[in-house]
C-alpha atoms as a PDB file:
ATOM      1  CA  MET A   1       0.002  -0.003   0.000  1.00  0.00           C
ATOM      2  CA  LEU A   2       2.843   2.350   0.817  1.00  0.00           C
ATOM      3  CA  GLN A   3       4.577   1.541  -2.454  1.00  0.00           C
ATOM      4  CA  ARG A   4       1.314   2.120  -4.315  1.00  0.00           C
ATOM      5  CA  SER A   5       0.971   5.559  -2.692  1.00  0.00           C
ATOM      6  CA  GLY A   6       4.508   6.385  -3.726  1.00  0.00           C
ATOM      7  CA  TRP A   7       3.841   5.529  -7.379  1.00  0.00           C
ATOM      8  CA  ILE A   8       0.544   7.448  -7.365  1.00  0.00           C
ATOM      9  CA  ALA A   9       2.476  10.472  -6.124  1.00  0.00           C
ATOM     10  CA  ALA A  10       5.008   9.927  -8.901  1.00  0.00           C
ATOM     11  CA  VAL A  11       2.269   9.938 -11.562  1.00  0.00           C
ATOM     12  CA  LEU A  12       0.705  13.086 -10.114  1.00  0.00           C
ATOM     13  CA  LEU A  13       4.051  14.870 -10.022  1.00  0.00           C
ATOM     14  CA  ILE A  14       4.968  13.864 -13.570  1.00  0.00           C
ATOM     15  CA  ALA A  15       1.622  15.206 -14.800  1.00  0.00           C
ATOM     16  CA  ALA A  16       2.140  18.470 -12.909  1.00  0.00           C
ATOM     17  CA  ASN A  17       5.607  18.881 -14.412  1.00  0.00           C
ATOM     18  CA  MET A  18       4.264  18.326 -17.911  1.00  0.00           C
ATOM     19  CA  LEU A  19       1.758  21.139 -17.372  1.00  0.00           C
ATOM     20  CA  TRP A  20       4.388  23.467 -15.848  1.00  0.00           C
ATOM     21  CA  ALA A  21       6.661  22.867 -18.820  1.00  0.00           C
ATOM     22  CA  GLY A  22       4.248  24.726 -21.099  1.00  0.00           C
ATOM     23  CA  GLN A  23       4.665  28.016 -19.241  1.00  0.00           C
ATOM     24  CA  GLY A  24       7.673  29.189 -21.241  1.00  0.00           C
ATOM     25  CA  VAL A  25       6.016  28.564 -24.597  1.00  0.00           C
ATOM     26  CA  ALA A  26       2.775  30.260 -23.512  1.00  0.00           C
ATOM     27  CA  VAL A  27       4.654  33.306 -22.178  1.00  0.00           C
ATOM     28  CA  LYS A  28       6.669  33.636 -25.381  1.00  0.00           C
ATOM     29  CA  LEU A  29       3.512  33.444 -27.500  1.00  0.00           C
ATOM     30  CA  LEU A  30       1.961  36.298 -25.472  1.00  0.00           C
ATOM     31  CA  THR A  31       5.093  38.468 -25.255  1.00  0.00           C
ATOM     32  CA  GLY A  32       4.808  41.594 -27.369  1.00  0.00           C
ATOM     33  CA  THR A  33       1.016  41.799 -27.125  1.00  0.00           C
ATOM     34  CA  LEU A  34       0.616  41.797 -23.348  1.00  0.00           C
ATOM     35  CA  SER A  35       3.107  43.110 -20.818  1.00  0.00           C
ATOM     36  CA  PRO A  36       4.961  40.522 -18.721  1.00  0.00           C
ATOM     37  CA  LEU A  37       3.141  41.705 -15.581  1.00  0.00           C
ATOM     38  CA  ALA A  38      -0.249  41.268 -17.263  1.00  0.00           C
ATOM     39  CA  ILE A  39       0.757  37.809 -18.566  1.00  0.00           C
ATOM     40  CA  ALA A  40       1.674  36.769 -15.022  1.00  0.00           C
ATOM     41  CA  LEU A  41      -1.321  38.208 -13.169  1.00  0.00           C
ATOM     42  CA  LEU A  42      -4.388  38.192 -15.430  1.00  0.00           C
ATOM     43  CA  PRO A  43      -4.600  34.374 -15.615  1.00  0.00           C
ATOM     44  CA  LEU A  44      -4.191  34.232 -11.833  1.00  0.00           C
ATOM     45  CA  TYR A  45      -7.096  36.643 -11.363  1.00  0.00           C
ATOM     46  CA  PHE A  46      -9.253  34.524 -13.648  1.00  0.00           C
ATOM     47  CA  ILE A  47      -8.627  31.265 -11.782  1.00  0.00           C
ATOM     48  CA  THR A  48      -9.125  33.088  -8.456  1.00  0.00           C
ATOM     49  CA  LEU A  49     -12.531  34.302  -9.660  1.00  0.00           C
ATOM     50  CA  VAL A  50     -13.424  30.732 -10.684  1.00  0.00           C
ATOM     51  CA  GLY A  51     -12.405  29.525  -7.228  1.00  0.00           C
ATOM     52  CA  LEU A  52     -14.525  32.204  -5.555  1.00  0.00           C
ATOM     53  CA  VAL A  53     -17.570  31.088  -7.546  1.00  0.00           C
ATOM     54  CA  LEU A  54     -16.994  27.442  -6.657  1.00  0.00           C
ATOM     55  CA  LEU A  55     -16.517  28.283  -2.977  1.00  0.00           C
ATOM     56  CA  SER A  56     -19.793  30.219  -2.903  1.00  0.00           C
ATOM     57  CA  PHE A  57     -21.693  27.009  -3.746  1.00  0.00           C
ATOM     58  CA  ARG A  58     -20.326  25.174  -0.708  1.00  0.00           C
ATOM     59  CA  GLU A  59     -22.537  24.982   2.360  1.00  0.00           C
ATOM     60  CA  ASP A  60     -19.553  25.577   4.656  1.00  0.00           C
ATOM     61  CA  ALA A  61     -18.207  28.558   2.667  1.00  0.00           C
ATOM     62  CA  ALA A  62     -18.522  31.001   5.576  1.00  0.00           C
ATOM     63  CA  GLN A  63     -16.824  28.534   7.927  1.00  0.00           C
ATOM     64  CA  ARG A  64     -13.900  27.970   5.550  1.00  0.00           C
ATOM     65  CA  LEU A  65     -13.473  31.700   5.059  1.00  0.00           C
ATOM     66  CA  ARG A  66     -13.299  32.202   8.813  1.00  0.00           C
ATOM     67  CA  ALA A  67     -10.741  29.397   9.053  1.00  0.00           C
ATOM     68  CA  ALA A  68      -8.670  31.005   6.307  1.00  0.00           C
ATOM     69  CA  TRP A  69      -8.835  34.341   8.098  1.00  0.00           C
ATOM     70  CA  ARG A  70      -7.296  32.737  11.183  1.00  0.00           C
ATOM     71  CA  PHE A  71      -4.403  31.656   8.954  1.00  0.00           C
ATOM     72  CA  ARG A  72      -4.280  34.920   7.032  1.00  0.00           C
ATOM     73  CA  CYS A  73      -0.585  35.503   7.765  1.00  0.00           C
ATOM     74  CA  GLU A  74       0.332  32.066   6.444  1.00  0.00           C
ATOM     75  CA  PHE A  75      -1.693  32.581   3.265  1.00  0.00           C
ATOM     76  CA  PHE A  76      -0.203  36.057   2.846  1.00  0.00           C
ATOM     77  CA  PHE A  77       3.314  34.630   2.956  1.00  0.00           C
ATOM     78  CA  ALA A  78       2.405  31.733   0.658  1.00  0.00           C
ATOM     79  CA  GLY A  79       0.741  34.070  -1.823  1.00  0.00           C
ATOM     80  CA  ILE A  80       3.069  37.076  -1.825  1.00  0.00           C
ATOM     81  CA  CYS A  81       6.439  35.492  -1.075  1.00  0.00           C
ATOM     82  CA  GLY A  82       5.556  32.364  -3.033  1.00  0.00           C
ATOM     83  CA  GLN A  83       3.082  32.717  -5.886  1.00  0.00           C
ATOM     84  CA  LEU A  84       3.588  36.398  -6.705  1.00  0.00           C
ATOM     85  CA  ILE A  85       7.367  36.234  -6.794  1.00  0.00           C
ATOM     86  CA  ALA A  86       7.282  32.906  -8.639  1.00  0.00           C
ATOM     87  CA  GLN A  87       4.918  33.956 -11.415  1.00  0.00           C
ATOM     88  CA  VAL A  88       6.144  37.523 -11.935  1.00  0.00           C
ATOM     89  CA  GLY A  89       9.797  36.468 -11.779  1.00  0.00           C
ATOM     90  CA  MET A  90       9.358  33.539 -14.167  1.00  0.00           C
ATOM     91  CA  THR A  91       7.150  35.438 -16.621  1.00  0.00           C
ATOM     92  CA  LEU A  92       9.276  38.575 -16.761  1.00  0.00           C
ATOM     93  CA  GLY A  93      12.465  36.514 -16.886  1.00  0.00           C
ATOM     94  CA  ILE A  94      11.258  34.281 -19.735  1.00  0.00           C
ATOM     95  CA  SER A  95      10.064  37.284 -21.737  1.00  0.00           C
ATOM     96  CA  TRP A  96      13.572  38.757 -21.475  1.00  0.00           C
ATOM     97  CA  SER A  97      15.433  35.485 -21.915  1.00  0.00           C
ATOM     98  CA  SER A  98      14.058  32.305 -23.560  1.00  0.00           C
ATOM     99  CA  ALA A  99      11.614  29.488 -22.937  1.00  0.00           C
ATOM    100  CA  SER A 100      14.500  27.028 -22.911  1.00  0.00           C
ATOM    101  CA  ASN A 101      16.362  28.991 -20.258  1.00  0.00           C
ATOM    102  CA  GLY A 102      13.192  29.159 -18.200  1.00  0.00           C
ATOM    103  CA  ALA A 103      12.860  25.374 -18.359  1.00  0.00           C
ATOM    104  CA  ILE A 104      16.516  24.755 -17.588  1.00  0.00           C
ATOM    105  CA  LEU A 105      16.709  27.201 -14.692  1.00  0.00           C
ATOM    106  CA  SER A 106      13.614  25.632 -13.171  1.00  0.00           C
ATOM    107  CA  LEU A 107      16.051  22.955 -12.023  1.00  0.00           C
ATOM    108  CA  LEU A 108      16.941  25.408  -9.266  1.00  0.00           C
ATOM    109  CA  ILE A 109      13.536  24.781  -7.654  1.00  0.00           C
ATOM    110  CA  PRO A 110      14.409  21.337  -6.215  1.00  0.00           C
ATOM    111  CA  ILE A 111      17.656  22.704  -4.802  1.00  0.00           C
ATOM    112  CA  PHE A 112      15.932  25.683  -3.200  1.00  0.00           C
ATOM    113  CA  GLY A 113      13.101  23.398  -2.087  1.00  0.00           C
ATOM    114  CA  ALA A 114      15.455  20.919  -0.421  1.00  0.00           C
ATOM    115  CA  LEU A 115      17.116  23.670   1.594  1.00  0.00           C
ATOM    116  CA  LEU A 116      13.818  25.310   2.546  1.00  0.00           C
ATOM    117  CA  ALA A 117      12.250  21.964   3.563  1.00  0.00           C
ATOM    118  CA  VAL A 118      15.096  21.226   5.950  1.00  0.00           C
ATOM    119  CA  TRP A 119      14.751  24.698   7.419  1.00  0.00           C
ATOM    120  CA  LEU A 120      10.942  25.151   7.501  1.00  0.00           C
ATOM    121  CA  LEU A 121       9.708  21.560   7.854  1.00  0.00           C
ATOM    122  CA  ARG A 122      12.713  20.008   9.616  1.00  0.00           C
ATOM    123  CA  GLU A 123      12.862  17.221   7.039  1.00  0.00           C
ATOM    124  CA  ARG A 124      15.977  15.088   6.945  1.00  0.00           C
ATOM    125  CA  LEU A 125      18.623  15.606   4.279  1.00  0.00           C
ATOM    126  CA  SER A 126      19.767  12.031   3.613  1.00  0.00           C
ATOM    127  CA  ILE A 127      22.832  10.946   1.671  1.00  0.00           C
ATOM    128  CA  LEU A 128      20.585   9.670  -1.122  1.00  0.00           C
ATOM    129  CA  ARG A 129      18.826  13.007  -1.396  1.00  0.00           C
ATOM    130  CA  VAL A 130      22.115  14.874  -1.518  1.00  0.00           C
ATOM    131  CA  GLY A 131      23.322  12.470  -4.207  1.00  0.00           C
ATOM    132  CA  VAL A 132      20.178  12.962  -6.273  1.00  0.00           C
ATOM    133  CA  LEU A 133      20.479  16.735  -6.037  1.00  0.00           C
ATOM    134  CA  LEU A 134      24.122  16.475  -7.215  1.00  0.00           C
ATOM    135  CA  LEU A 135      23.057  14.251 -10.112  1.00  0.00           C
ATOM    136  CA  GLY A 136      20.478  16.867 -11.026  1.00  0.00           C
ATOM    137  CA  LEU A 137      23.152  19.569 -10.971  1.00  0.00           C
ATOM    138  CA  ALA A 138      25.282  17.435 -13.285  1.00  0.00           C
ATOM    139  CA  GLY A 139      22.346  17.276 -15.668  1.00  0.00           C
ATOM    140  CA  ILE A 140      22.030  21.073 -15.488  1.00  0.00           C
ATOM    141  CA  PHE A 141      25.596  21.575 -16.711  1.00  0.00           C
ATOM    142  CA  LEU A 142      24.977  19.242 -19.643  1.00  0.00           C
ATOM    143  CA  ILE A 143      21.636  20.785 -20.616  1.00  0.00           C
ATOM    144  CA  SER A 144      22.748  24.407 -20.187  1.00  0.00           C
ATOM    145  CA  PRO A 145      24.491  24.887 -23.573  1.00  0.00           C
ATOM    146  CA  VAL A 146      21.282  25.727 -25.446  1.00  0.00           C
ATOM    147  CA  GLN A 147      21.651  27.580 -28.727  1.00  0.00           C
ATOM    148  CA  LEU A 148      18.723  29.757 -29.675  1.00  0.00           C
ATOM    149  CA  HIS A 149      17.463  30.018 -33.225  1.00  0.00           C
ATOM    150  CA  GLY A 150      16.285  33.430 -34.256  1.00  0.00           C
ATOM    151  CA  ARG A 151      16.774  36.937 -32.955  1.00  0.00           C
ATOM    152  CA  SER A 152      16.000  38.185 -29.506  1.00  0.00           C
ATOM    153  CA  THR A 153      12.768  40.159 -29.250  1.00  0.00           C
ATOM    154  CA  THR A 154      14.089  42.445 -26.558  1.00  0.00           C
ATOM    155  CA  HIS A 155      17.062  44.678 -25.885  1.00  0.00           C
ATOM    156  CA  ILE A 156      17.268  43.545 -22.267  1.00  0.00           C
ATOM    157  CA  HIS A 157      20.348  41.386 -21.676  1.00  0.00           C
ATOM    158  CA  PRO A 158      19.349  37.725 -21.219  1.00  0.00           C
ATOM    159  CA  PHE A 159      21.417  37.589 -18.023  1.00  0.00           C
ATOM    160  CA  ALA A 160      18.932  39.897 -16.303  1.00  0.00           C
ATOM    161  CA  GLY A 161      16.130  37.621 -17.444  1.00  0.00           C
ATOM    162  CA  ASN A 162      17.926  34.590 -16.056  1.00  0.00           C
ATOM    163  CA  ILE A 163      18.327  36.324 -12.683  1.00  0.00           C
ATOM    164  CA  LEU A 164      14.587  36.995 -12.600  1.00  0.00           C
ATOM    165  CA  ILE A 165      13.874  33.371 -13.520  1.00  0.00           C
ATOM    166  CA  ALA A 166      16.081  32.255 -10.621  1.00  0.00           C
ATOM    167  CA  LEU A 167      14.161  34.598  -8.305  1.00  0.00           C
ATOM    168  CA  GLY A 168      10.932  33.087  -9.583  1.00  0.00           C
ATOM    169  CA  CYS A 169      12.315  29.604  -8.856  1.00  0.00           C
ATOM    170  CA  LEU A 170      13.022  30.665  -5.277  1.00  0.00           C
ATOM    171  CA  GLY A 171       9.431  31.902  -4.906  1.00  0.00           C
ATOM    172  CA  SER A 172       8.081  28.650  -6.361  1.00  0.00           C
ATOM    173  CA  ALA A 173      10.200  26.551  -4.010  1.00  0.00           C
ATOM    174  CA  PHE A 174       9.045  28.604  -1.040  1.00  0.00           C
ATOM    175  CA  TYR A 175       5.379  28.128  -2.014  1.00  0.00           C
ATOM    176  CA  ASN A 176       5.773  24.376  -2.522  1.00  0.00           C
ATOM    177  CA  VAL A 177       7.415  23.864   0.867  1.00  0.00           C
ATOM    178  CA  TYR A 178       5.433  26.395   2.880  1.00  0.00           C
ATOM    179  CA  SER A 179       2.099  25.056   1.578  1.00  0.00           C
ATOM    180  CA  LYS A 180       2.752  21.696   3.226  1.00  0.00           C
ATOM    181  CA  ARG A 181       2.357  23.386   6.612  1.00  0.00           C
ATOM    182  CA  LEU A 182      -1.235  24.217   5.673  1.00  0.00           C
ATOM    183  CA  LEU A 183      -2.259  20.727   4.511  1.00  0.00           C
ATOM    184  CA  ALA A 184      -3.192  19.734   8.053  1.00  0.00           C
ATOM    185  CA  HIS A 185      -5.931  22.388   8.111  1.00  0.00           C
ATOM    186  CA  PHE A 186      -7.010  22.870   4.490  1.00  0.00           C
ATOM    187  CA  SER A 187      -7.532  20.867   1.311  1.00  0.00           C
ATOM    188  CA  GLU A 188      -5.355  21.300  -1.763  1.00  0.00           C
ATOM    189  CA  LEU A 189      -7.988  23.438  -3.502  1.00  0.00           C
ATOM    190  CA  GLU A 190      -8.472  25.617  -0.427  1.00  0.00           C
ATOM    191  CA  ILE A 191      -4.747  26.266  -0.088  1.00  0.00           C
ATOM    192  CA  LEU A 192      -4.568  27.146  -3.752  1.00  0.00           C
ATOM    193  CA  PHE A 193      -7.594  29.439  -3.668  1.00  0.00           C
ATOM    194  CA  PHE A 194      -6.792  31.317  -0.457  1.00  0.00           C
ATOM    195  CA  SER A 195      -3.154  31.876  -1.438  1.00  0.00           C
ATOM    196  CA  TYR A 196      -4.304  33.117  -4.849  1.00  0.00           C
ATOM    197  CA  LEU A 197      -6.859  35.357  -3.174  1.00  0.00           C
ATOM    198  CA  SER A 198      -4.215  37.021  -1.019  1.00  0.00           C
ATOM    199  CA  THR A 199      -2.025  37.480  -4.093  1.00  0.00           C
ATOM    200  CA  THR A 200      -4.930  39.016  -6.011  1.00  0.00           C
ATOM    201  CA  VAL A 201      -5.864  41.454  -3.238  1.00  0.00           C
ATOM    202  CA  PHE A 202      -2.265  42.602  -2.943  1.00  0.00           C
ATOM    203  CA  SER A 203      -1.329  42.795  -6.638  1.00  0.00           C
ATOM    204  CA  LEU A 204      -4.528  43.977  -8.345  1.00  0.00           C
ATOM    205  CA  PRO A 205      -4.010  47.700  -7.528  1.00  0.00           C
ATOM    206  CA  VAL A 206      -0.348  47.395  -8.495  1.00  0.00           C
ATOM    207  CA  LEU A 207      -1.168  45.951 -11.930  1.00  0.00           C
ATOM    208  CA  PHE A 208      -3.652  48.665 -12.862  1.00  0.00           C
ATOM    209  CA  VAL A 209      -1.306  51.411 -11.678  1.00  0.00           C
ATOM    210  CA  LEU A 210       1.638  50.068 -13.680  1.00  0.00           C
ATOM    211  CA  GLU A 211      -0.348  48.681 -16.637  1.00  0.00           C
ATOM    212  CA  PRO A 212      -3.565  50.730 -16.950  1.00  0.00           C
ATOM    213  CA  HIS A 213      -4.271  49.451 -20.495  1.00  0.00           C
ATOM    214  CA  CYS A 214      -3.810  45.740 -19.752  1.00  0.00           C
ATOM    215  CA  LEU A 215      -7.497  44.890 -20.254  1.00  0.00           C
ATOM    216  CA  SER A 216      -7.810  46.771 -23.541  1.00  0.00           C
ATOM    217  CA  ASP A 217      -4.719  44.933 -24.789  1.00  0.00           C
ATOM    218  CA  LEU A 218      -6.698  41.675 -24.599  1.00  0.00           C
ATOM    219  CA  ALA A 219      -8.599  42.745 -27.732  1.00  0.00           C
ATOM    220  CA  ARG A 220      -5.386  42.452 -29.739  1.00  0.00           C
ATOM    221  CA  LEU A 221      -4.830  38.771 -28.894  1.00  0.00           C
ATOM    222  CA  SER A 222      -4.928  36.230 -31.699  1.00  0.00           C
ATOM    223  CA  PRO A 223      -6.797  32.916 -31.273  1.00  0.00           C
ATOM    224  CA  THR A 224      -3.491  31.172 -30.526  1.00  0.00           C
ATOM    225  CA  GLN A 225      -2.632  33.770 -27.902  1.00  0.00           C
ATOM    226  CA  TRP A 226      -6.073  33.369 -26.291  1.00  0.00           C
ATOM    227  CA  MET A 227      -5.387  29.647 -26.037  1.00  0.00           C
ATOM    228  CA  ALA A 228      -2.022  30.404 -24.441  1.00  0.00           C
ATOM    229  CA  LEU A 229      -3.648  32.723 -21.899  1.00  0.00           C
ATOM    230  CA  GLN A 230      -6.295  30.127 -21.073  1.00  0.00           C
ATOM    231  CA  TYR A 231      -3.598  27.488 -20.699  1.00  0.00           C
ATOM    232  CA  LEU A 232      -1.840  29.647 -18.114  1.00  0.00           C
ATOM    233  CA  ALA A 233      -5.072  30.229 -16.178  1.00  0.00           C
ATOM    234  CA  VAL A 234      -6.585  26.728 -16.182  1.00  0.00           C
ATOM    235  CA  PHE A 235      -3.673  24.321 -16.454  1.00  0.00           C
ATOM    236  CA  LEU A 236      -0.685  26.227 -15.031  1.00  0.00           C
ATOM    237  CA  TYR A 237      -2.366  28.080 -12.167  1.00  0.00           C
ATOM    238  CA  GLY A 238      -5.123  25.541 -11.613  1.00  0.00           C
ATOM    239  CA  LEU A 239      -4.783  21.856 -12.416  1.00  0.00           C
ATOM    240  CA  SER A 240      -1.000  21.552 -12.113  1.00  0.00           C
ATOM    241  CA  MET A 241      -0.957  23.038  -8.609  1.00  0.00           C
ATOM    242  CA  VAL A 242      -3.807  20.792  -7.441  1.00  0.00           C
ATOM    243  CA  LEU A 243      -1.895  17.723  -8.677  1.00  0.00           C
ATOM    244  CA  PHE A 244       1.299  18.873  -6.957  1.00  0.00           C
ATOM    245  CA  LEU A 245      -0.357  19.621  -3.624  1.00  0.00           C
ATOM    246  CA  ARG A 246      -2.180  16.288  -3.678  1.00  0.00           C
ATOM    247  CA  ALA A 247       1.102  14.488  -4.229  1.00  0.00           C
ATOM    248  CA  LEU A 248       2.608  16.554  -1.421  1.00  0.00           C
ATOM    249  CA  ARG A 249       0.325  14.708   1.008  1.00  0.00           C
ATOM    250  CA  MET A 250       2.027  11.446   0.081  1.00  0.00           C
ATOM    251  CA  VAL A 251       5.727  12.316  -0.011  1.00  0.00           C
ATOM    252  CA  ASP A 252       8.171  14.694   1.659  1.00  0.00           C
ATOM    253  CA  ALA A 253       8.524  18.180   0.194  1.00  0.00           C
ATOM    254  CA  ILE A 254      12.150  17.379  -0.703  1.00  0.00           C
ATOM    255  CA  ILE A 255      11.062  14.461  -2.871  1.00  0.00           C
ATOM    256  CA  ALA A 256       8.230  16.457  -4.461  1.00  0.00           C
ATOM    257  CA  SER A 257      10.704  19.248  -5.212  1.00  0.00           C
ATOM    258  CA  ALA A 258      13.183  16.797  -6.732  1.00  0.00           C
ATOM    259  CA  SER A 259      10.493  15.714  -9.193  1.00  0.00           C
ATOM    260  CA  LEU A 260      10.762  19.188 -10.701  1.00  0.00           C
ATOM    261  CA  TYR A 261      13.885  17.974 -12.487  1.00  0.00           C
ATOM    262  CA  LEU A 262      11.363  16.643 -15.029  1.00  0.00           C
ATOM    263  CA  THR A 263      10.089  20.122 -15.968  1.00  0.00           C
ATOM    264  CA  PRO A 264      13.086  21.073 -18.132  1.00  0.00           C
ATOM    265  CA  LEU A 265      12.880  17.769 -20.005  1.00  0.00           C
ATOM    266  CA  PHE A 266       9.372  18.614 -21.141  1.00  0.00           C
ATOM    267  CA  GLY A 267      10.096  22.343 -21.365  1.00  0.00           C
ATOM    268  CA  VAL A 268      13.045  22.177 -23.749  1.00  0.00           C
ATOM    269  CA  ALA A 269      11.144  19.672 -25.908  1.00  0.00           C
ATOM    270  CA  LEU A 270       8.218  22.109 -26.210  1.00  0.00           C
ATOM    271  CA  ALA A 271      10.534  25.063 -26.860  1.00  0.00           C
ATOM    272  CA  TYR A 272      12.194  23.088 -29.660  1.00  0.00           C
ATOM    273  CA  SER A 273       8.989  21.843 -31.255  1.00  0.00           C
ATOM    274  CA  VAL A 274       6.869  25.005 -30.940  1.00  0.00           C
ATOM    275  CA  LEU A 275       9.336  27.902 -30.820  1.00  0.00           C
ATOM    276  CA  LYS A 276      12.130  26.235 -32.844  1.00  0.00           C
ATOM    277  CA  GLU A 277      14.725  26.883 -30.140  1.00  0.00           C
ATOM    278  CA  ARG A 278      17.628  24.617 -31.057  1.00  0.00           C
ATOM    279  CA  LEU A 279      19.227  22.350 -28.458  1.00  0.00           C
ATOM    280  CA  ALA A 280      22.807  21.224 -28.017  1.00  0.00           C
ATOM    281  CA  SER A 281      23.670  17.528 -28.273  1.00  0.00           C
ATOM    282  CA  GLN A 282      24.473  17.354 -24.554  1.00  0.00           C
ATOM    283  CA  VAL A 283      20.772  17.788 -23.740  1.00  0.00           C
ATOM    284  CA  VAL A 284      20.037  14.097 -24.384  1.00  0.00           C
ATOM    285  CA  VAL A 285      22.688  12.967 -21.902  1.00  0.00           C
ATOM    286  CA  GLY A 286      21.666  15.578 -19.345  1.00  0.00           C
ATOM    287  CA  ALA A 287      18.025  14.595 -19.702  1.00  0.00           C
ATOM    288  CA  ALA A 288      18.875  10.928 -19.091  1.00  0.00           C
ATOM    289  CA  ILE A 289      20.814  11.802 -15.933  1.00  0.00           C
ATOM    290  CA  ILE A 290      17.980  13.937 -14.592  1.00  0.00           C
ATOM    291  CA  LEU A 291      15.394  11.244 -15.306  1.00  0.00           C
ATOM    292  CA  PHE A 292      17.561   8.619 -13.627  1.00  0.00           C
ATOM    293  CA  ALA A 293      18.030  10.807 -10.535  1.00  0.00           C
ATOM    294  CA  THR A 294      14.292  11.389 -10.198  1.00  0.00           C
ATOM    295  CA  LEU A 295      13.367   7.706 -10.566  1.00  0.00           C
ATOM    296  CA  LEU A 296      16.112   6.732  -8.136  1.00  0.00           C
ATOM    297  CA  LEU A 297      14.650   9.028  -5.500  1.00  0.00           C
ATOM    298  CA  PHE A 298      11.129   7.670  -5.899  1.00  0.00           C
ATOM    299  CA  ARG A 299      12.279   4.045  -5.947  1.00  0.00           C
ATOM    300  CA  PHE A 300      14.229   4.142  -2.681  1.00  0.00           C
ATOM    301  CA  GLU A 301      12.766   7.060  -0.700  1.00  0.00           C
ATOM    302  CA  ALA A 302       9.055   7.525  -1.488  1.00  0.00           C
ATOM    303  CA  PRO A 303       7.688   4.457   0.381  1.00  0.00           C
ATOM    304  CA  LEU A 304       9.617   5.376   3.517  1.00  0.00           C
ATOM    305  CA  ASP A 305       8.381   8.938   3.474  1.00  0.00           C
ATOM    306  CA  CYS A 306       4.776   7.832   3.230  1.00  0.00           C
ATOM    307  CA  GLU A 307       5.117   6.346   6.706  1.00  0.00           C
ATOM    308  CA  SER A 308       6.215   9.597   8.266  1.00  0.00           C
ATOM    309  CA  ILE A 309       3.827  11.976   6.488  1.00  0.00           C
ATOM    310  CA  GLY A 310       1.458  12.092   9.454  1.00  0.00           C
ATOM    311  CA  SER A 311       4.152  13.509  11.720  1.00  0.00           C
ATOM    312  CA  VAL A 312       5.064  16.434   9.482  1.00  0.00           C
END
């Protein structure tokens, strides 16, 4: 039963990573028509509104809102320090850099997540976990030489974009780890909604001050760009996070974070097939190492961690 739970978690995490991998392509398709801030926040507002409608149909809506208010500081930190930094950093960084770089630098999330989990959740940092993280780093160095095809669409140096992507990875890692502290009191959907709600309340005035024409810019979107925006709202902000948080009930945050090594595998494949970003030959070897490290972690650590999940 424990092994079955571990493999269910693995399937959920792989599915979440596949959905996250499309972020870079969607952002690139929208860049130039919408501002990076609007690309990051408008889909979040949409999925928050959907969550508010769904919550209103629940008989215990008032009770859950009162419970969330008691944890308002926790949701504020999860939303602002996690989601807001993650989405704005990643979106702005990818728009200045490349979808491939966004996918590759997402490998920083497991490393940040492992350190934050030891600090915030007091999870153990075993020799196997350290080894897997080092294997993932080895894969990073092999995947990193990505050659882009085509001209840059911005005058901002890609290095600045990569720094913002790294900042977004730190925010994502913080959200993934910090959210586990709330699983004892709230469901996955509730954590997602209330953290998004705090992000919306905080960032909505900021968006309309900095980007007053963001809504009128929506009229200029092509059908493909509308699909990209809907993908960000429904699949990136919605379904992928529900899958990840559900898996987080079954495994340690360190293991869940290590699964994020799969995101660049899917991300660089999408960037190559959709955006025609060319990849170096080392990517195949780096991808194999990353996949091996992730499977190794699930094979030898996931069943053990399922036993201790109740004590976290």
